[in-house]
């Protein structure tokens, strides 16, 4: 990558408000992660690991787990 390109991006990013700078950083990290994951071997499904155990996770099981996880979440802080 050209140093001039990096300097130009940094200069423009520096003129943005903090929240927009964070958004740019998040996007750059997303692109970097996406680029790294394209170079890796795809992961195998975890279902094969427990296939012989006779376990079945239903939509109801997932809904119940979500309710349990979110039951103590401080909802009033979101608004």
PDB file of N, CA and C in Angstrom:
ATOM      1  N   UNK A   1       0.845  -1.173   0.000  1.00  0.00           N
ATOM      2  CA  UNK A   1       0.000   0.000   0.000  1.00  0.00           C
ATOM      3  C   UNK A   1       0.890   1.235   0.000  1.00  0.00           C
ATOM      4  N   UNK A   2       0.492   2.191  -0.770  1.00  0.00           N
ATOM      5  CA  UNK A   2       1.272   3.416  -0.890  1.00  0.00           C
ATOM      6  C   UNK A   2       1.158   4.257   0.375  1.00  0.00           C
ATOM      7  N   UNK A   3       2.291   4.809   0.800  1.00  0.00           N
ATOM      8  CA  UNK A   3       2.301   5.679   1.976  1.00  0.00           C
ATOM      9  C   UNK A   3       1.411   6.890   1.747  1.00  0.00           C
ATOM     10  N   UNK A   4       1.406   7.408   0.510  1.00  0.00           N
ATOM     11  CA  UNK A   4       0.564   8.562   0.207  1.00  0.00           C
ATOM     12  C   UNK A   4      -0.909   8.242   0.416  1.00  0.00           C
ATOM     13  N   UNK A   5      -1.303   7.054   0.046  1.00  0.00           N
ATOM     14  CA  UNK A   5      -2.696   6.642   0.215  1.00  0.00           C
ATOM     15  C   UNK A   5      -3.055   6.558   1.694  1.00  0.00           C
ATOM     16  N   UNK A   6      -2.175   5.996   2.492  1.00  0.00           N
ATOM     17  CA  UNK A   6      -2.397   5.894   3.937  1.00  0.00           C
ATOM     18  C   UNK A   6      -2.464   7.282   4.555  1.00  0.00           C
ATOM     19  N   UNK A   7      -1.533   8.157   4.161  1.00  0.00           N
ATOM     20  CA  UNK A   7      -1.530   9.522   4.697  1.00  0.00           C
ATOM     21  C   UNK A   7      -2.800  10.270   4.313  1.00  0.00           C
ATOM     22  N   UNK A   8      -3.249  10.111   3.078  1.00  0.00           N
ATOM     23  CA  UNK A   8      -4.476  10.771   2.635  1.00  0.00           C
ATOM     24  C   UNK A   8      -5.683  10.257   3.416  1.00  0.00           C
ATOM     25  N   UNK A   9      -5.753   8.943   3.618  1.00  0.00           N
ATOM     26  CA  UNK A   9      -6.864   8.367   4.380  1.00  0.00           C
ATOM     27  C   UNK A   9      -6.838   8.861   5.821  1.00  0.00           C
ATOM     28  N   UNK A  10      -5.643   8.891   6.426  1.00  0.00           N
ATOM     29  CA  UNK A  10      -5.523   9.360   7.809  1.00  0.00           C
ATOM     30  C   UNK A  10      -5.912  10.828   7.928  1.00  0.00           C
ATOM     31  N   UNK A  11      -5.515  11.631   6.959  1.00  0.00           N
ATOM     32  CA  UNK A  11      -5.843  13.050   6.978  1.00  0.00           C
ATOM     33  C   UNK A  11      -7.352  13.255   6.913  1.00  0.00           C
ATOM     34  N   UNK A  12      -7.998  12.551   6.007  1.00  0.00           N
ATOM     35  CA  UNK A  12      -9.456  12.681   5.870  1.00  0.00           C
ATOM     36  C   UNK A  12     -10.164  12.130   7.091  1.00  0.00           C
ATOM     37  N   UNK A  13      -9.663  11.034   7.623  1.00  0.00           N
ATOM     38  CA  UNK A  13     -10.279  10.435   8.807  1.00  0.00           C
ATOM     39  C   UNK A  13     -10.158  11.380  10.000  1.00  0.00           C
ATOM     40  N   UNK A  14      -9.032  12.081  10.093  1.00  0.00           N
ATOM     41  CA  UNK A  14      -8.818  13.011  11.195  1.00  0.00           C
ATOM     42  C   UNK A  14      -9.790  14.170  11.203  1.00  0.00           C
ATOM     43  N   UNK A  15     -10.372  14.486  10.073  1.00  0.00           N
ATOM     44  CA  UNK A  15     -11.322  15.593  10.014  1.00  0.00           C
ATOM     45  C   UNK A  15     -12.754  15.167  10.356  1.00  0.00           C
ATOM     46  N   UNK A  16     -12.949  13.876  10.549  1.00  0.00           N
ATOM     47  CA  UNK A  16     -14.281  13.361  10.880  1.00  0.00           C
ATOM     48  C   UNK A  16     -14.533  13.438  12.381  1.00  0.00           C
ATOM     49  N   UNK A  17     -15.811  13.508  12.778  1.00  0.00           N
ATOM     50  CA  UNK A  17     -16.131  13.414  14.213  1.00  0.00           C
ATOM     51  C   UNK A  17     -15.730  12.041  14.743  1.00  0.00           C
ATOM     52  N   UNK A  18     -15.544  11.953  16.061  1.00  0.00           N
ATOM     53  CA  UNK A  18     -15.061  10.724  16.691  1.00  0.00           C
ATOM     54  C   UNK A  18     -15.915   9.513  16.331  1.00  0.00           C
ATOM     55  N   UNK A  19     -17.244   9.653  16.362  1.00  0.00           N
ATOM     56  CA  UNK A  19     -18.101   8.498  16.088  1.00  0.00           C
ATOM     57  C   UNK A  19     -17.930   8.000  14.658  1.00  0.00           C
ATOM     58  N   UNK A  20     -17.679   8.920  13.733  1.00  0.00           N
ATOM     59  CA  UNK A  20     -17.449   8.513  12.342  1.00  0.00           C
ATOM     60  C   UNK A  20     -16.068   7.885  12.184  1.00  0.00           C
ATOM     61  N   UNK A  21     -15.084   8.363  12.943  1.00  0.00           N
ATOM     62  CA  UNK A  21     -13.764   7.740  12.927  1.00  0.00           C
ATOM     63  C   UNK A  21     -13.864   6.299  13.409  1.00  0.00           C
ATOM     64  N   UNK A  22     -14.657   6.072  14.459  1.00  0.00           N
ATOM     65  CA  UNK A  22     -14.847   4.720  14.984  1.00  0.00           C
ATOM     66  C   UNK A  22     -15.535   3.839  13.946  1.00  0.00           C
ATOM     67  N   UNK A  23     -16.483   4.419  13.213  1.00  0.00           N
ATOM     68  CA  UNK A  23     -17.185   3.674  12.173  1.00  0.00           C
ATOM     69  C   UNK A  23     -16.219   3.262  11.060  1.00  0.00           C
ATOM     70  N   UNK A  24     -15.318   4.169  10.677  1.00  0.00           N
ATOM     71  CA  UNK A  24     -14.316   3.855   9.653  1.00  0.00           C
ATOM     72  C   UNK A  24     -13.399   2.742  10.157  1.00  0.00           C
ATOM     73  N   UNK A  25     -12.946   2.858  11.398  1.00  0.00           N
ATOM     74  CA  UNK A  25     -12.075   1.825  11.975  1.00  0.00           C
ATOM     75  C   UNK A  25     -12.778   0.475  12.004  1.00  0.00           C
ATOM     76  N   UNK A  26     -14.036   0.453  12.412  1.00  0.00           N
ATOM     77  CA  UNK A  26     -14.800  -0.798  12.435  1.00  0.00           C
ATOM     78  C   UNK A  26     -14.874  -1.407  11.035  1.00  0.00           C
ATOM     79  N   UNK A  27     -15.096  -0.546  10.036  1.00  0.00           N
ATOM     80  CA  UNK A  27     -15.201  -1.029   8.665  1.00  0.00           C
ATOM     81  C   UNK A  27     -13.866  -1.597   8.181  1.00  0.00           C
ATOM     82  N   UNK A  28     -12.776  -0.914   8.485  1.00  0.00           N
ATOM     83  CA  UNK A  28     -11.451  -1.396   8.086  1.00  0.00           C
ATOM     84  C   UNK A  28     -11.158  -2.743   8.751  1.00  0.00           C
ATOM     85  N   UNK A  29     -11.507  -2.866  10.043  1.00  0.00           N
ATOM     86  CA  UNK A  29     -11.304  -4.135  10.735  1.00  0.00           C
ATOM     87  C   UNK A  29     -12.150  -5.238  10.121  1.00  0.00           C
ATOM     88  N   UNK A  30     -13.389  -4.907   9.730  1.00  0.00           N
ATOM     89  CA  UNK A  30     -14.262  -5.878   9.071  1.00  0.00           C
ATOM     90  C   UNK A  30     -13.643  -6.370   7.767  1.00  0.00           C
ATOM     91  N   UNK A  31     -13.137  -5.429   6.963  1.00  0.00           N
ATOM     92  CA  UNK A  31     -12.529  -5.797   5.686  1.00  0.00           C
ATOM     93  C   UNK A  31     -11.288  -6.661   5.923  1.00  0.00           C
ATOM     94  N   UNK A  32     -10.476  -6.300   6.906  1.00  0.00           N
ATOM     95  CA  UNK A  32      -9.268  -7.080   7.204  1.00  0.00           C
ATOM     96  C   UNK A  32      -9.641  -8.495   7.641  1.00  0.00           C
ATOM     97  N   UNK A  33     -10.649  -8.604   8.497  1.00  0.00           N
ATOM     98  CA  UNK A  33     -11.082  -9.916   8.975  1.00  0.00           C
ATOM     99  C   UNK A  33     -11.644 -10.742   7.820  1.00  0.00           C
ATOM    100  N   UNK A  34     -12.413 -10.107   6.965  1.00  0.00           N
ATOM    101  CA  UNK A  34     -12.995 -10.798   5.814  1.00  0.00           C
ATOM    102  C   UNK A  34     -11.884 -11.298   4.887  1.00  0.00           C
ATOM    103  N   UNK A  35     -10.874 -10.471   4.694  1.00  0.00           N
ATOM    104  CA  UNK A  35      -9.743 -10.847   3.845  1.00  0.00           C
ATOM    105  C   UNK A  35      -8.993 -12.035   4.437  1.00  0.00           C
ATOM    106  N   UNK A  36      -8.788 -12.017   5.768  1.00  0.00           N
ATOM    107  CA  UNK A  36      -8.104 -13.126   6.429  1.00  0.00           C
ATOM    108  C   UNK A  36      -8.904 -14.417   6.326  1.00  0.00           C
ATOM    109  N   UNK A  37     -10.222 -14.306   6.499  1.00  0.00           N
ATOM    110  CA  UNK A  37     -11.051 -15.514   6.495  1.00  0.00           C
ATOM    111  C   UNK A  37     -11.121 -16.145   5.114  1.00  0.00           C
ATOM    112  N   UNK A  38     -10.927 -15.360   4.072  1.00  0.00           N
ATOM    113  CA  UNK A  38     -10.939 -15.925   2.717  1.00  0.00           C
ATOM    114  C   UNK A  38      -9.707 -16.769   2.465  1.00  0.00           C
ATOM    115  N   UNK A  39      -8.648 -16.521   3.228  1.00  0.00           N
ATOM    116  CA  UNK A  39      -7.413 -17.272   3.050  1.00  0.00           C
ATOM    117  C   UNK A  39      -7.353 -18.526   3.922  1.00  0.00           C
ATOM    118  N   UNK A  40      -8.315 -18.704   4.797  1.00  0.00           N
ATOM    119  CA  UNK A  40      -8.315 -19.852   5.695  1.00  0.00           C
ATOM    120  C   UNK A  40      -9.125 -20.998   5.109  1.00  0.00           C
ATOM    121  N   UNK A  41      -8.876 -22.162   5.644  1.00  0.00           N
ATOM    122  CA  UNK A  41      -9.652 -23.335   5.257  1.00  0.00           C
ATOM    123  C   UNK A  41     -11.034 -23.215   5.880  1.00  0.00           C
ATOM    124  N   UNK A  42     -12.089 -23.462   5.120  1.00  0.00           N
ATOM    125  CA  UNK A  42     -13.441 -23.353   5.681  1.00  0.00           C
ATOM    126  C   UNK A  42     -13.631 -24.310   6.855  1.00  0.00           C
ATOM    127  N   UNK A  43     -14.373 -23.859   7.824  1.00  0.00           N
ATOM    128  CA  UNK A  43     -14.653 -24.693   9.005  1.00  0.00           C
ATOM    129  C   UNK A  43     -15.704 -25.735   8.688  1.00  0.00           C
ATOM    130  N   UNK A  44     -15.548 -26.874   9.337  1.00  0.00           N
ATOM    131  CA  UNK A  44     -16.554 -27.914   9.198  1.00  0.00           C
ATOM    132  C   UNK A  44     -17.690 -27.627  10.168  1.00  0.00           C
ATOM    133  N   UNK A  45     -18.838 -28.109   9.840  1.00  0.00           N
ATOM    134  CA  UNK A  45     -20.001 -27.933  10.697  1.00  0.00           C
ATOM    135  C   UNK A  45     -19.793 -28.660  12.025  1.00  0.00           C
ATOM    136  N   UNK A  46     -20.223 -28.028  13.104  1.00  0.00           N
ATOM    137  CA  UNK A  46     -20.133 -28.655  14.422  1.00  0.00           C
ATOM    138  C   UNK A  46     -21.181 -29.745  14.608  1.00  0.00           C
ATOM    139  N   UNK A  47     -22.185 -29.757  13.768  1.00  0.00           N
ATOM    140  CA  UNK A  47     -23.219 -30.788  13.899  1.00  0.00           C
ATOM    141  C   UNK A  47     -22.635 -32.190  13.795  1.00  0.00           C
ATOM    142  N   UNK A  48     -21.616 -32.337  12.985  1.00  0.00           N
ATOM    143  CA  UNK A  48     -20.991 -33.647  12.837  1.00  0.00           C
ATOM    144  C   UNK A  48     -20.329 -34.127  14.119  1.00  0.00           C
ATOM    145  N   UNK A  49     -19.913 -33.200  14.968  1.00  0.00           N
ATOM    146  CA  UNK A  49     -19.259 -33.578  16.211  1.00  0.00           C
ATOM    147  C   UNK A  49     -20.214 -34.233  17.197  1.00  0.00           C
ATOM    148  N   UNK A  50     -21.472 -33.830  17.185  1.00  0.00           N
ATOM    149  CA  UNK A  50     -22.415 -34.407  18.145  1.00  0.00           C
ATOM    150  C   UNK A  50     -23.476 -35.282  17.470  1.00  0.00           C
ATOM    151  N   UNK A  51     -23.283 -35.593  16.183  1.00  0.00           N
ATOM    152  CA  UNK A  51     -24.270 -36.387  15.448  1.00  0.00           C
ATOM    153  C   UNK A  51     -24.510 -37.745  16.095  1.00  0.00           C
ATOM    154  N   UNK A  52     -23.480 -38.381  16.608  1.00  0.00           N
ATOM    155  CA  UNK A  52     -23.632 -39.719  17.180  1.00  0.00           C
ATOM    156  C   UNK A  52     -24.132 -39.689  18.628  1.00  0.00           C
ATOM    157  N   UNK A  53     -24.329 -38.496  19.198  1.00  0.00           N
ATOM    158  CA  UNK A  53     -24.810 -38.404  20.578  1.00  0.00           C
ATOM    159  C   UNK A  53     -26.337 -38.394  20.677  1.00  0.00           C
ATOM    160  N   UNK A  54     -26.993 -38.300  19.545  1.00  0.00           N
ATOM    161  CA  UNK A  54     -28.456 -38.309  19.548  1.00  0.00           C
ATOM    162  C   UNK A  54     -29.062 -37.006  20.054  1.00  0.00           C
ATOM    163  N   UNK A  55     -28.304 -35.933  20.022  1.00  0.00           N
ATOM    164  CA  UNK A  55     -28.813 -34.631  20.471  1.00  0.00           C
ATOM    165  C   UNK A  55     -29.519 -33.934  19.330  1.00  0.00           C
ATOM    166  N   UNK A  56     -30.601 -33.260  19.664  1.00  0.00           N
ATOM    167  CA  UNK A  56     -31.285 -32.452  18.665  1.00  0.00           C
ATOM    168  C   UNK A  56     -31.676 -31.139  19.317  1.00  0.00           C
ATOM    169  N   UNK A  57     -31.253 -30.053  18.734  1.00  0.00           N
ATOM    170  CA  UNK A  57     -31.578 -28.728  19.246  1.00  0.00           C
ATOM    171  C   UNK A  57     -32.736 -28.195  18.419  1.00  0.00           C
ATOM    172  N   UNK A  58     -33.826 -27.911  19.095  1.00  0.00           N
ATOM    173  CA  UNK A  58     -35.011 -27.423  18.407  1.00  0.00           C
ATOM    174  C   UNK A  58     -35.062 -25.901  18.471  1.00  0.00           C
ATOM    175  N   UNK A  59     -35.965 -25.336  17.672  1.00  0.00           N
ATOM    176  CA  UNK A  59     -36.162 -23.881  17.694  1.00  0.00           C
ATOM    177  C   UNK A  59     -36.633 -23.444  19.078  1.00  0.00           C
ATOM    178  N   UNK A  60     -37.419 -24.287  19.741  1.00  0.00           N
ATOM    179  CA  UNK A  60     -37.888 -23.968  21.092  1.00  0.00           C
ATOM    180  C   UNK A  60     -36.723 -23.923  22.081  1.00  0.00           C
ATOM    181  N   UNK A  61     -35.778 -24.860  21.923  1.00  0.00           N
ATOM    182  CA  UNK A  61     -34.584 -24.857  22.778  1.00  0.00           C
ATOM    183  C   UNK A  61     -33.797 -23.561  22.607  1.00  0.00           C
ATOM    184  N   UNK A  62     -33.654 -23.132  21.383  1.00  0.00           N
ATOM    185  CA  UNK A  62     -32.928 -21.897  21.104  1.00  0.00           C
ATOM    186  C   UNK A  62     -33.662 -20.702  21.684  1.00  0.00           C
ATOM    187  N   UNK A  63     -34.986 -20.654  21.499  1.00  0.00           N
ATOM    188  CA  UNK A  63     -35.789 -19.562  22.059  1.00  0.00           C
ATOM    189  C   UNK A  63     -35.666 -19.504  23.580  1.00  0.00           C
ATOM    190  N   UNK A  64     -35.704 -20.663  24.220  1.00  0.00           N
ATOM    191  CA  UNK A  64     -35.583 -20.706  25.679  1.00  0.00           C
ATOM    192  C   UNK A  64     -34.209 -20.206  26.130  1.00  0.00           C
ATOM    193  N   UNK A  65     -33.162 -20.628  25.429  1.00  0.00           N
ATOM    194  CA  UNK A  65     -31.813 -20.182  25.773  1.00  0.00           C
ATOM    195  C   UNK A  65     -31.693 -18.675  25.614  1.00  0.00           C
ATOM    196  N   UNK A  66     -32.285 -18.136  24.560  1.00  0.00           N
ATOM    197  CA  UNK A  66     -32.257 -16.672  24.359  1.00  0.00           C
ATOM    198  C   UNK A  66     -32.984 -15.952  25.478  1.00  0.00           C
ATOM    199  N   UNK A  67     -34.153 -16.478  25.858  1.00  0.00           N
ATOM    200  CA  UNK A  67     -34.907 -15.848  26.955  1.00  0.00           C
ATOM    201  C   UNK A  67     -34.085 -15.855  28.239  1.00  0.00           C
ATOM    202  N   UNK A  68     -33.427 -16.963  28.527  1.00  0.00           N
ATOM    203  CA  UNK A  68     -32.598 -17.055  29.729  1.00  0.00           C
ATOM    204  C   UNK A  68     -31.426 -16.075  29.681  1.00  0.00           C
ATOM    205  N   UNK A  69     -30.774 -15.990  28.532  1.00  0.00           N
ATOM    206  CA  UNK A  69     -29.617 -15.105  28.409  1.00  0.00           C
ATOM    207  C   UNK A  69     -30.010 -13.638  28.537  1.00  0.00           C
ATOM    208  N   UNK A  70     -31.132 -13.271  27.959  1.00  0.00           N
ATOM    209  CA  UNK A  70     -31.537 -11.860  27.939  1.00  0.00           C
ATOM    210  C   UNK A  70     -32.372 -11.458  29.149  1.00  0.00           C
ATOM    211  N   UNK A  71     -32.740 -12.399  29.994  1.00  0.00           N
ATOM    212  CA  UNK A  71     -33.631 -12.067  31.113  1.00  0.00           C
ATOM    213  C   UNK A  71     -32.994 -11.095  32.094  1.00  0.00           C
ATOM    214  N   UNK A  72     -31.686 -11.137  32.279  1.00  0.00           N
ATOM    215  CA  UNK A  72     -31.006 -10.242  33.213  1.00  0.00           C
ATOM    216  C   UNK A  72     -30.347  -9.053  32.532  1.00  0.00           C
ATOM    217  N   UNK A  73     -30.561  -8.899  31.238  1.00  0.00           N
ATOM    218  CA  UNK A  73     -29.959  -7.793  30.509  1.00  0.00           C
ATOM    219  C   UNK A  73     -30.636  -6.486  30.928  1.00  0.00           C
ATOM    220  N   UNK A  74     -29.855  -5.450  31.218  1.00  0.00           N
ATOM    221  CA  UNK A  74     -30.441  -4.175  31.676  1.00  0.00           C
ATOM    222  C   UNK A  74     -31.106  -3.422  30.521  1.00  0.00           C
ATOM    223  N   UNK A  75     -32.354  -3.736  30.244  1.00  0.00           N
ATOM    224  CA  UNK A  75     -33.082  -3.156  29.123  1.00  0.00           C
ATOM    225  C   UNK A  75     -33.244  -1.643  29.228  1.00  0.00           C
ATOM    226  N   UNK A  76     -33.329  -1.124  30.453  1.00  0.00           N
ATOM    227  CA  UNK A  76     -33.547   0.312  30.612  1.00  0.00           C
ATOM    228  C   UNK A  76     -32.343   1.125  30.132  1.00  0.00           C
ATOM    229  N   UNK A  77     -31.166   0.498  30.046  1.00  0.00           N
ATOM    230  CA  UNK A  77     -29.970   1.218  29.590  1.00  0.00           C
ATOM    231  C   UNK A  77     -29.969   1.435  28.074  1.00  0.00           C
ATOM    232  N   UNK A  78     -30.793   0.722  27.348  1.00  0.00           N
ATOM    233  CA  UNK A  78     -30.810   0.807  25.891  1.00  0.00           C
ATOM    234  C   UNK A  78     -31.463   2.107  25.440  1.00  0.00           C
ATOM    235  N   UNK A  79     -32.490   2.516  26.110  1.00  0.00           N
ATOM    236  CA  UNK A  79     -33.215   3.708  25.687  1.00  0.00           C
ATOM    237  C   UNK A  79     -32.478   4.899  26.095  1.00  0.00           C
TER     238      UNK A  79
END
